C-alpha cells in the first residue's frame, strides 16, 4: 500500500485497521485498509490464511498517465525488485506502454495517454 501511494498521483492512505492481540491475524498486520489510487479507493488486507496461490499477470491494473515523466517514474519504482514483462516502448496501440509485475507479484500495465 505504501509503495503504491508513493508511485501514483492523487493517491493517499485513507484508513488502516490492524490486527490486535487475540484476533485471527498476527498483531500489527493489516486487517483491512483503504487507500486512494489515482483518486479511486482500493481495499487491501494481510490474510492470516495460507494460500496455495499468488498473484497472476492474467489480472492486472491498467493506469493511464498524463506525462511521460510520471509514467517512467512509476515504471521504474514498480519494476524495482519485480519483473518487466514488456519494457517501456511503442507497441502500435500506444506511443509509450510498459507492463511490469512489482516485487509483491501485482501486475501493472502503464500507459501515457496522448
N, C-alpha and C. Protein backbone atom coordinates (compact mmCIF):
# COMPACT_ATOMS: atom_id res chain seq x y z
N UNK A 1 0.83 -1.18 0.00
CA UNK A 1 0.00 0.00 0.00
C UNK A 1 0.88 1.25 0.00
N UNK A 2 1.89 1.27 0.86
CA UNK A 2 2.77 2.44 0.92
C UNK A 2 3.51 2.65 -0.39
N UNK A 3 3.93 1.55 -1.02
CA UNK A 3 4.60 1.65 -2.32
C UNK A 3 3.67 2.30 -3.33
N UNK A 4 2.46 1.82 -3.44
CA UNK A 4 1.53 2.31 -4.46
C UNK A 4 1.16 3.77 -4.24
N UNK A 5 0.98 4.17 -2.98
CA UNK A 5 0.67 5.58 -2.68
C UNK A 5 1.84 6.47 -3.07
N UNK A 6 3.07 5.95 -2.96
CA UNK A 6 4.25 6.76 -3.33
C UNK A 6 4.46 6.80 -4.85
N UNK A 7 3.91 5.84 -5.57
CA UNK A 7 4.13 5.73 -7.02
C UNK A 7 3.13 6.55 -7.82
N UNK A 8 1.87 6.48 -7.47
CA UNK A 8 0.82 7.03 -8.31
C UNK A 8 0.32 8.39 -7.83
N UNK A 9 0.03 9.29 -8.79
CA UNK A 9 -0.50 10.61 -8.42
C UNK A 9 -1.91 10.49 -7.84
N UNK A 10 -2.30 11.49 -7.08
CA UNK A 10 -3.64 11.55 -6.48
C UNK A 10 -3.93 10.30 -5.66
N UNK A 11 -2.94 9.90 -4.83
CA UNK A 11 -3.06 8.69 -4.02
C UNK A 11 -2.73 9.00 -2.57
N UNK A 12 -3.41 8.32 -1.64
CA UNK A 12 -3.17 8.52 -0.21
C UNK A 12 -3.80 7.37 0.57
N UNK A 13 -3.27 7.11 1.75
CA UNK A 13 -3.87 6.15 2.66
C UNK A 13 -5.09 6.82 3.28
N UNK A 14 -6.22 6.13 3.24
CA UNK A 14 -7.48 6.67 3.77
C UNK A 14 -7.71 6.16 5.19
N UNK A 15 -7.57 4.86 5.39
CA UNK A 15 -7.76 4.28 6.73
C UNK A 15 -7.03 2.95 6.84
N UNK A 16 -6.61 2.62 8.06
CA UNK A 16 -5.91 1.36 8.32
C UNK A 16 -6.43 0.79 9.64
N UNK A 17 -6.82 -0.48 9.62
CA UNK A 17 -7.19 -1.20 10.84
C UNK A 17 -6.26 -2.40 10.94
N UNK A 18 -5.55 -2.51 12.06
CA UNK A 18 -4.57 -3.57 12.24
C UNK A 18 -5.10 -4.63 13.22
N UNK A 19 -4.58 -5.86 13.05
CA UNK A 19 -4.93 -6.93 13.98
C UNK A 19 -4.37 -6.62 15.36
N UNK A 20 -5.19 -6.89 16.39
CA UNK A 20 -4.78 -6.68 17.78
C UNK A 20 -4.58 -8.04 18.45
N UNK A 21 -4.03 -8.01 19.62
CA UNK A 21 -3.82 -9.22 20.42
C UNK A 21 -5.14 -9.99 20.55
N UNK A 22 -5.07 -11.30 20.31
CA UNK A 22 -6.25 -12.15 20.45
C UNK A 22 -7.09 -12.27 19.19
N UNK A 23 -6.75 -11.54 18.14
CA UNK A 23 -7.50 -11.66 16.88
C UNK A 23 -6.83 -12.69 15.98
N UNK A 24 -7.45 -13.01 14.85
CA UNK A 24 -7.02 -14.12 14.00
C UNK A 24 -5.73 -13.87 13.22
N UNK A 25 -5.31 -12.63 13.08
CA UNK A 25 -4.09 -12.33 12.33
C UNK A 25 -2.95 -11.95 13.25
N UNK A 26 -1.72 -11.98 12.71
CA UNK A 26 -0.57 -11.54 13.51
C UNK A 26 -0.72 -10.08 13.93
N UNK A 27 -0.43 -9.81 15.19
CA UNK A 27 -0.57 -8.46 15.75
C UNK A 27 0.19 -7.45 14.89
N UNK A 28 -0.50 -6.37 14.55
CA UNK A 28 0.13 -5.28 13.80
C UNK A 28 -0.02 -5.38 12.29
N UNK A 29 -0.39 -6.57 11.78
CA UNK A 29 -0.60 -6.68 10.33
C UNK A 29 -1.95 -6.07 9.99
N UNK A 30 -2.15 -5.81 8.72
CA UNK A 30 -3.35 -5.09 8.29
C UNK A 30 -4.56 -6.01 8.21
N UNK A 31 -5.56 -5.69 9.03
CA UNK A 31 -6.84 -6.39 8.98
C UNK A 31 -7.61 -5.92 7.75
N UNK A 32 -7.70 -4.62 7.59
CA UNK A 32 -8.28 -4.03 6.39
C UNK A 32 -7.79 -2.59 6.29
N UNK A 33 -7.48 -2.18 5.08
CA UNK A 33 -7.04 -0.81 4.83
C UNK A 33 -7.69 -0.32 3.55
N UNK A 34 -7.89 0.97 3.49
CA UNK A 34 -8.42 1.62 2.29
C UNK A 34 -7.42 2.68 1.89
N UNK A 35 -7.10 2.69 0.60
CA UNK A 35 -6.23 3.75 0.09
C UNK A 35 -6.76 4.20 -1.26
N UNK A 36 -6.48 5.46 -1.57
CA UNK A 36 -6.87 6.02 -2.86
C UNK A 36 -5.70 5.81 -3.81
N UNK A 37 -6.00 5.28 -4.98
CA UNK A 37 -5.00 5.05 -6.02
C UNK A 37 -5.48 5.79 -7.26
N UNK A 38 -4.78 6.84 -7.62
CA UNK A 38 -5.19 7.70 -8.74
C UNK A 38 -6.63 8.19 -8.53
N UNK A 39 -6.96 8.50 -7.29
CA UNK A 39 -8.28 9.02 -6.98
C UNK A 39 -9.37 7.99 -6.78
N UNK A 40 -9.07 6.70 -6.95
CA UNK A 40 -10.06 5.64 -6.77
C UNK A 40 -9.70 4.83 -5.52
N UNK A 41 -10.71 4.54 -4.71
CA UNK A 41 -10.45 3.81 -3.47
C UNK A 41 -10.29 2.32 -3.72
N UNK A 42 -9.30 1.74 -3.01
CA UNK A 42 -8.95 0.33 -3.11
C UNK A 42 -8.84 -0.21 -1.68
N UNK A 43 -9.28 -1.45 -1.47
CA UNK A 43 -9.14 -2.08 -0.16
C UNK A 43 -8.06 -3.16 -0.24
N UNK A 44 -7.37 -3.36 0.89
CA UNK A 44 -6.38 -4.43 0.95
C UNK A 44 -6.36 -5.00 2.36
N UNK A 45 -5.75 -6.18 2.50
CA UNK A 45 -5.64 -6.83 3.80
C UNK A 45 -4.47 -7.80 3.78
N UNK A 46 -3.91 -8.05 4.97
CA UNK A 46 -2.94 -9.13 5.14
C UNK A 46 -3.74 -10.35 5.56
N UNK A 47 -3.75 -11.38 4.75
CA UNK A 47 -4.52 -12.58 5.06
C UNK A 47 -3.73 -13.48 6.00
N UNK A 48 -4.31 -13.86 7.14
CA UNK A 48 -3.62 -14.78 8.04
C UNK A 48 -3.72 -16.23 7.58
N UNK A 49 -4.43 -16.47 6.50
CA UNK A 49 -4.66 -17.83 5.99
C UNK A 49 -3.61 -18.14 4.92
N UNK A 50 -2.98 -19.31 5.01
CA UNK A 50 -2.05 -19.76 3.98
C UNK A 50 -2.82 -20.13 2.72
N UNK A 51 -2.35 -19.65 1.57
CA UNK A 51 -3.00 -19.94 0.29
C UNK A 51 -2.03 -20.69 -0.62
N UNK A 52 -2.57 -21.51 -1.49
CA UNK A 52 -1.77 -22.23 -2.48
C UNK A 52 -1.72 -21.46 -3.79
N UNK A 53 -1.96 -20.16 -3.75
CA UNK A 53 -1.94 -19.34 -4.96
C UNK A 53 -1.33 -17.99 -4.64
N UNK A 54 -1.00 -17.29 -5.70
CA UNK A 54 -0.44 -15.95 -5.58
C UNK A 54 -1.07 -15.08 -6.65
N UNK A 55 -0.49 -13.92 -6.88
CA UNK A 55 -0.96 -13.06 -7.95
C UNK A 55 -0.58 -13.65 -9.30
N UNK A 56 -1.31 -13.28 -10.33
CA UNK A 56 -1.02 -13.74 -11.68
C UNK A 56 -1.15 -12.55 -12.64
N UNK A 57 -0.32 -12.49 -13.68
CA UNK A 57 -0.43 -11.37 -14.62
C UNK A 57 -1.69 -11.44 -15.49
N UNK A 58 -2.47 -12.52 -15.36
CA UNK A 58 -3.71 -12.57 -16.14
C UNK A 58 -4.72 -11.53 -15.64
N UNK A 59 -4.46 -10.99 -14.46
CA UNK A 59 -5.25 -9.89 -13.94
C UNK A 59 -4.28 -8.78 -13.57
N UNK A 60 -4.41 -7.64 -14.23
CA UNK A 60 -3.51 -6.53 -13.94
C UNK A 60 -4.29 -5.23 -13.92
N UNK A 61 -3.68 -4.23 -13.33
CA UNK A 61 -4.30 -2.91 -13.25
C UNK A 61 -3.69 -2.03 -14.34
N UNK A 62 -4.54 -1.40 -15.14
CA UNK A 62 -4.12 -0.54 -16.24
C UNK A 62 -4.22 0.91 -15.76
N UNK A 63 -3.12 1.64 -15.89
CA UNK A 63 -3.09 3.04 -15.44
C UNK A 63 -2.62 3.92 -16.59
N UNK A 64 -3.41 4.95 -16.91
CA UNK A 64 -3.02 5.97 -17.88
C UNK A 64 -2.39 7.14 -17.15
N UNK A 65 -1.26 7.62 -17.67
CA UNK A 65 -0.57 8.77 -17.11
C UNK A 65 -0.71 9.96 -18.04
N UNK A 66 -0.66 11.16 -17.46
CA UNK A 66 -0.74 12.39 -18.24
C UNK A 66 0.59 12.81 -18.81
N UNK A 67 1.69 12.28 -18.25
CA UNK A 67 3.01 12.70 -18.72
C UNK A 67 3.95 11.51 -18.82
N UNK A 68 4.89 11.64 -19.71
CA UNK A 68 5.92 10.62 -19.90
C UNK A 68 6.78 10.49 -18.64
N UNK A 69 7.07 11.62 -17.99
CA UNK A 69 7.90 11.60 -16.78
C UNK A 69 7.23 10.79 -15.68
N UNK A 70 5.92 10.99 -15.48
CA UNK A 70 5.20 10.25 -14.44
C UNK A 70 5.17 8.76 -14.75
N UNK A 71 4.98 8.41 -16.01
CA UNK A 71 4.99 7.01 -16.43
C UNK A 71 6.34 6.37 -16.15
N UNK A 72 7.41 7.02 -16.56
CA UNK A 72 8.75 6.47 -16.38
C UNK A 72 9.11 6.32 -14.90
N UNK A 73 8.71 7.28 -14.09
CA UNK A 73 8.96 7.21 -12.64
C UNK A 73 8.23 6.01 -12.04
N UNK A 74 6.95 5.87 -12.35
CA UNK A 74 6.16 4.76 -11.82
C UNK A 74 6.71 3.42 -12.29
N UNK A 75 7.05 3.32 -13.57
CA UNK A 75 7.57 2.07 -14.12
C UNK A 75 8.87 1.69 -13.41
N UNK A 76 9.74 2.66 -13.19
CA UNK A 76 11.00 2.39 -12.51
C UNK A 76 10.79 1.91 -11.08
N UNK A 77 9.89 2.55 -10.35
CA UNK A 77 9.64 2.18 -8.96
C UNK A 77 8.98 0.80 -8.87
N UNK A 78 8.03 0.53 -9.75
CA UNK A 78 7.33 -0.76 -9.69
C UNK A 78 8.19 -1.92 -10.17
N UNK A 79 9.10 -1.66 -11.08
CA UNK A 79 9.94 -2.75 -11.61
C UNK A 79 11.10 -3.08 -10.67
N UNK A 80 11.41 -2.18 -9.73
CA UNK A 80 12.50 -2.44 -8.79
C UNK A 80 12.16 -3.65 -7.92
N UNK A 81 12.92 -4.72 -8.09
CA UNK A 81 12.67 -5.96 -7.36
C UNK A 81 11.57 -6.81 -7.97
N UNK A 82 11.00 -6.34 -9.08
CA UNK A 82 9.92 -7.07 -9.75
C UNK A 82 10.39 -7.66 -11.06
N UNK A 83 9.46 -7.79 -11.99
CA UNK A 83 9.77 -8.38 -13.30
C UNK A 83 9.15 -7.53 -14.40
N UNK A 84 9.96 -7.14 -15.36
CA UNK A 84 9.47 -6.40 -16.51
C UNK A 84 8.96 -7.42 -17.53
N UNK A 85 7.69 -7.34 -17.87
CA UNK A 85 7.11 -8.25 -18.84
C UNK A 85 7.10 -7.65 -20.24
N UNK A 86 6.94 -6.33 -20.32
CA UNK A 86 7.06 -5.58 -21.57
C UNK A 86 7.74 -4.27 -21.22
N UNK A 87 8.98 -4.06 -21.67
CA UNK A 87 9.66 -2.80 -21.34
C UNK A 87 8.94 -1.61 -21.95
N UNK A 88 9.19 -0.43 -21.38
CA UNK A 88 8.58 0.77 -21.93
C UNK A 88 8.95 0.92 -23.40
N UNK A 89 7.95 1.12 -24.22
CA UNK A 89 8.20 1.27 -25.65
C UNK A 89 6.93 1.58 -26.41
N UNK A 90 7.07 1.70 -27.72
CA UNK A 90 5.94 1.92 -28.61
C UNK A 90 5.51 0.55 -29.14
N UNK A 91 4.24 0.25 -28.99
CA UNK A 91 3.74 -1.08 -29.37
C UNK A 91 2.62 -1.03 -30.41
N UNK A 92 2.47 0.07 -31.09
CA UNK A 92 1.42 0.18 -32.09
C UNK A 92 0.11 0.69 -31.52
N UNK A 93 -0.33 0.09 -30.43
CA UNK A 93 -1.56 0.53 -29.77
C UNK A 93 -1.30 1.70 -28.82
N UNK A 94 -0.02 1.99 -28.57
CA UNK A 94 0.35 3.06 -27.65
C UNK A 94 1.73 3.61 -28.03
N UNK A 95 1.91 4.92 -27.86
CA UNK A 95 3.21 5.52 -28.10
C UNK A 95 4.21 5.19 -27.00
N UNK A 96 3.70 4.94 -25.77
CA UNK A 96 4.58 4.60 -24.65
C UNK A 96 3.79 3.75 -23.66
N UNK A 97 4.18 2.48 -23.57
CA UNK A 97 3.48 1.50 -22.75
C UNK A 97 4.51 0.57 -22.12
N UNK A 98 4.22 0.08 -20.93
CA UNK A 98 5.04 -0.94 -20.29
C UNK A 98 4.20 -1.79 -19.37
N UNK A 99 4.63 -3.03 -19.17
CA UNK A 99 3.91 -3.98 -18.33
C UNK A 99 4.91 -4.55 -17.34
N UNK A 100 4.60 -4.45 -16.07
CA UNK A 100 5.52 -4.87 -15.02
C UNK A 100 4.77 -5.60 -13.91
N UNK A 101 5.44 -6.56 -13.32
CA UNK A 101 4.96 -7.21 -12.11
C UNK A 101 5.84 -6.70 -10.98
N UNK A 102 5.25 -6.07 -9.97
CA UNK A 102 6.07 -5.47 -8.91
C UNK A 102 6.63 -6.54 -7.97
N UNK A 103 7.38 -6.11 -6.97
CA UNK A 103 8.05 -7.05 -6.06
C UNK A 103 7.09 -7.89 -5.23
N UNK A 104 5.82 -7.51 -5.21
CA UNK A 104 4.80 -8.29 -4.50
C UNK A 104 4.06 -9.25 -5.43
N UNK A 105 4.35 -9.15 -6.74
CA UNK A 105 3.70 -10.00 -7.72
C UNK A 105 2.46 -9.39 -8.35
N UNK A 106 2.16 -8.12 -8.02
CA UNK A 106 1.00 -7.43 -8.59
C UNK A 106 1.38 -6.92 -9.98
N UNK A 107 0.52 -7.16 -10.95
CA UNK A 107 0.78 -6.83 -12.35
C UNK A 107 0.18 -5.46 -12.70
N UNK A 108 0.98 -4.64 -13.39
CA UNK A 108 0.58 -3.28 -13.78
C UNK A 108 0.85 -3.07 -15.26
N UNK A 109 -0.13 -2.55 -15.98
CA UNK A 109 0.04 -2.10 -17.34
C UNK A 109 -0.01 -0.58 -17.32
N UNK A 110 1.08 0.06 -17.71
CA UNK A 110 1.22 1.51 -17.58
C UNK A 110 1.34 2.14 -18.95
N UNK A 111 0.64 3.25 -19.14
CA UNK A 111 0.50 3.86 -20.45
C UNK A 111 0.47 5.37 -20.34
N UNK A 112 0.98 6.06 -21.35
CA UNK A 112 0.79 7.50 -21.44
C UNK A 112 -0.35 7.73 -22.43
N UNK A 113 -1.34 8.48 -21.98
CA UNK A 113 -2.49 8.80 -22.83
C UNK A 113 -2.22 10.12 -23.53
N UNK A 114 -1.85 10.05 -24.82
CA UNK A 114 -1.61 11.27 -25.60
C UNK A 114 -2.82 11.58 -26.43
